[in-house]
Amino acid sequence: MSLESVIQDTIEKAAKAIIPVLVTEGTVTKVDKTTNTCRVERDELPELFNVRLNAITTPGSDVVTIYPNVGSKVLVLFVENNQTDGYILSVTDIEEVIINGGQNGGIAISQKLIDELKGIKDDLNSLKNLINSWAPANGDGGAALKLILTDWIAQSLPDPDPEAIINTKVKH
């Protein structure tokens, strides 16, 4: 190792000791949804406790809260350079997102909902076609119509699967 690289390495180590860290990287080890905080373990640095999931300590209910999965890599921003007061700035693996308290349930997965609606539309169009193609016959008392509709009525649509339509990881 050259003298120049030894000096540069020494300067960098000394500078790291006196320059405050604004953002640090780590891994989530625990999430507390009641306090909206988590623990973050960092390589060769002290573990961070009670890291906020929201930037504001009392954000109220009209807020977006992102809950990271345990094991997720995160960036933690220190508030006013206080290394015991940080909040999650970025997350690699999200467990769920709660918007405005989540009282409305999960958000619909649009393509799956469109597919369900298209199935209902197609079924109703087939009924319209059956009725449209029916011609009354003299003296049958509606027997021909009953025959046409019996097959259609016997084929019920399956109930929508809420788990396929609703994304429970995102609640609003």
Protein backbone atom coordinates (compact mmCIF):
# COMPACT_ATOMS: atom_id res chain seq x y z
CA MET A 1 0.00 0.00 0.00
CA SER A 2 1.43 3.38 -1.00
CA LEU A 3 1.94 6.26 1.40
CA GLU A 4 -0.66 8.24 -0.55
CA SER A 5 -3.35 5.56 -0.13
CA VAL A 6 -2.54 5.20 3.60
CA ILE A 7 -2.95 8.97 4.08
CA GLN A 8 -6.18 9.01 2.06
CA ASP A 9 -7.58 6.07 4.07
CA THR A 10 -6.68 7.79 7.35
CA ILE A 11 -8.34 11.06 6.27
CA GLU A 12 -11.52 9.22 5.21
CA LYS A 13 -11.72 7.36 8.55
CA ALA A 14 -11.19 10.59 10.50
CA ALA A 15 -13.80 12.43 8.41
CA LYS A 16 -16.38 9.65 8.93
CA ALA A 17 -15.96 10.02 12.68
CA ILE A 18 -16.79 13.75 12.71
CA ILE A 19 -19.26 14.17 9.82
CA PRO A 20 -22.82 13.40 10.91
CA VAL A 21 -24.58 10.61 9.06
CA LEU A 22 -27.86 11.76 7.57
CA VAL A 23 -28.93 8.48 5.96
CA THR A 24 -27.98 4.94 6.92
CA GLU A 25 -28.78 1.53 5.46
CA GLY A 26 -29.91 -1.52 7.36
CA THR A 27 -32.21 -4.51 7.63
CA VAL A 28 -35.59 -4.56 9.39
CA THR A 29 -35.60 -7.04 12.28
CA LYS A 30 -38.99 -6.23 13.84
CA VAL A 31 -42.10 -4.19 12.93
CA ASP A 32 -44.56 -2.83 15.49
CA LYS A 33 -47.85 -1.85 13.82
CA THR A 34 -49.34 -0.41 17.01
CA THR A 35 -46.60 2.22 17.34
CA ASN A 36 -45.77 2.38 13.60
CA THR A 37 -42.10 1.78 14.31
CA CYS A 38 -39.51 -0.84 13.49
CA ARG A 39 -36.04 -2.01 14.47
CA VAL A 40 -33.18 -1.78 12.02
CA GLU A 41 -29.95 -3.76 12.26
CA ARG A 42 -26.89 -2.25 10.56
CA ASP A 43 -23.54 -3.75 9.62
CA GLU A 44 -20.89 -2.86 12.20
CA LEU A 45 -23.10 -0.08 13.60
CA PRO A 46 -25.49 0.00 16.56
CA GLU A 47 -29.02 -1.32 16.04
CA LEU A 48 -31.69 1.36 15.66
CA PHE A 49 -34.79 1.07 17.84
CA ASN A 50 -38.19 2.74 17.34
CA VAL A 51 -37.47 3.87 13.81
CA ARG A 52 -40.60 5.68 12.61
CA LEU A 53 -42.57 4.39 9.66
CA ASN A 54 -43.96 7.92 9.15
CA ALA A 55 -41.85 11.06 9.09
CA ILE A 56 -44.16 12.86 11.53
CA THR A 57 -44.43 11.44 15.06
CA THR A 58 -48.22 11.97 15.24
CA PRO A 59 -49.36 11.92 11.60
CA GLY A 60 -53.06 11.24 12.31
CA SER A 61 -55.14 8.91 10.16
CA ASP A 62 -54.96 10.77 6.82
CA VAL A 63 -51.56 9.39 5.91
CA VAL A 64 -49.90 6.65 3.88
CA THR A 65 -48.02 4.13 6.04
CA ILE A 66 -45.73 1.55 4.45
CA TYR A 67 -45.02 -1.53 6.56
CA PRO A 68 -41.78 -3.26 5.56
CA ASN A 69 -41.35 -7.02 5.77
CA VAL A 70 -38.90 -8.30 8.35
CA GLY A 71 -35.66 -8.77 6.43
CA SER A 72 -36.34 -5.84 4.13
CA LYS A 73 -33.43 -3.54 3.30
CA VAL A 74 -34.21 0.05 4.27
CA LEU A 75 -32.72 3.50 4.23
CA VAL A 76 -33.20 5.40 7.48
CA LEU A 77 -33.08 9.19 7.56
CA PHE A 78 -32.00 10.75 10.84
CA VAL A 79 -34.17 13.64 12.01
CA GLU A 80 -32.00 16.70 12.70
CA ASN A 81 -28.93 14.39 12.68
CA ASN A 82 -30.15 12.75 15.88
CA GLN A 83 -28.99 9.14 15.47
CA THR A 84 -31.64 7.90 17.89
CA ASP A 85 -34.50 9.51 15.94
CA GLY A 86 -34.95 8.20 12.44
CA TYR A 87 -37.65 7.27 9.96
CA ILE A 88 -37.82 4.90 7.05
CA LEU A 89 -37.04 6.67 3.80
CA SER A 90 -37.03 3.69 1.43
CA VAL A 91 -37.98 0.00 1.62
CA THR A 92 -37.10 -2.97 -0.63
CA ASP A 93 -39.80 -5.43 0.47
CA ILE A 94 -43.26 -4.16 1.48
CA GLU A 95 -45.67 -6.18 3.62
CA GLU A 96 -48.60 -3.79 3.21
CA VAL A 97 -49.56 -0.18 2.55
CA ILE A 98 -52.28 1.52 4.59
CA ILE A 99 -53.87 4.68 3.19
CA ASN A 100 -55.91 6.92 5.52
CA GLY A 101 -56.35 4.22 8.16
CA GLY A 102 -57.43 1.46 5.77
CA GLN A 103 -61.08 1.47 6.87
CA ASN A 104 -62.33 0.89 3.29
CA GLY A 105 -60.56 -2.46 2.94
CA GLY A 106 -58.28 -3.59 0.15
CA ILE A 107 -57.94 -1.92 -3.22
CA ALA A 108 -59.42 -3.73 -6.23
CA ILE A 109 -57.03 -5.30 -8.71
CA SER A 110 -58.41 -3.56 -11.78
CA GLN A 111 -57.74 -6.20 -14.45
CA LYS A 112 -59.32 -8.98 -12.39
CA LEU A 113 -62.34 -6.78 -11.66
CA ILE A 114 -62.64 -5.94 -15.37
CA ASP A 115 -62.51 -9.66 -16.19
CA GLU A 116 -65.35 -10.35 -13.70
CA LEU A 117 -67.47 -7.53 -15.15
CA LYS A 118 -66.81 -8.77 -18.70
CA GLY A 119 -68.05 -12.24 -17.69
CA ILE A 120 -71.29 -10.73 -16.35
CA LYS A 121 -71.69 -8.61 -19.50
CA ASP A 122 -71.12 -11.64 -21.75
CA ASP A 123 -73.68 -13.65 -19.78
CA LEU A 124 -76.31 -10.90 -20.05
CA ASN A 125 -75.60 -10.49 -23.77
CA SER A 126 -76.16 -14.22 -24.28
CA LEU A 127 -79.55 -13.88 -22.53
CA LYS A 128 -80.43 -10.95 -24.78
CA ASN A 129 -79.49 -13.00 -27.84
CA LEU A 130 -81.62 -15.94 -26.69
CA ILE A 131 -84.65 -13.75 -26.12
CA ASN A 132 -84.04 -11.82 -29.35
CA SER A 133 -83.89 -15.03 -31.42
CA TRP A 134 -87.08 -16.45 -29.91
CA ALA A 135 -90.17 -16.34 -32.04
CA PRO A 136 -93.57 -17.00 -30.50
CA ALA A 137 -95.36 -20.00 -31.87
CA ASN A 138 -99.14 -20.20 -32.09
CA GLY A 139 -100.65 -22.23 -29.31
CA ASP A 140 -97.44 -23.18 -27.45
CA GLY A 141 -98.25 -20.96 -24.45
CA GLY A 142 -94.62 -19.86 -24.11
CA ALA A 143 -93.20 -23.38 -24.09
CA ALA A 144 -90.59 -22.47 -26.73
CA LEU A 145 -89.41 -19.49 -24.65
CA LYS A 146 -89.25 -21.66 -21.56
CA LEU A 147 -87.16 -24.23 -23.44
CA ILE A 148 -84.71 -21.55 -24.67
CA LEU A 149 -84.35 -19.94 -21.22
CA THR A 150 -84.11 -23.20 -19.25
CA ASP A 151 -80.57 -23.89 -20.49
CA TRP A 152 -79.42 -20.33 -19.82
CA ILE A 153 -80.97 -20.20 -16.34
CA ALA A 154 -79.39 -23.54 -15.39
CA GLN A 155 -75.89 -22.14 -16.01
CA SER A 156 -75.24 -19.91 -13.02
CA LEU A 157 -72.25 -17.63 -12.84
CA PRO A 158 -69.61 -18.49 -10.26
CA ASP A 159 -69.39 -16.14 -7.29
CA PRO A 160 -66.55 -13.63 -7.59
CA ASP A 161 -63.48 -14.59 -5.60
CA PRO A 162 -62.67 -11.59 -3.35
CA GLU A 163 -59.13 -12.87 -2.80
CA ALA A 164 -58.53 -12.75 -6.57
CA ILE A 165 -60.02 -9.27 -6.96
CA ILE A 166 -58.86 -7.47 -3.80
CA ASN A 167 -55.23 -6.66 -3.06
CA THR A 168 -55.14 -7.02 0.73
CA LYS A 169 -51.59 -5.62 0.86
CA VAL A 170 -52.92 -2.16 0.01
CA LYS A 171 -55.78 -0.89 2.17
CA HIS A 172 -57.44 2.49 1.89
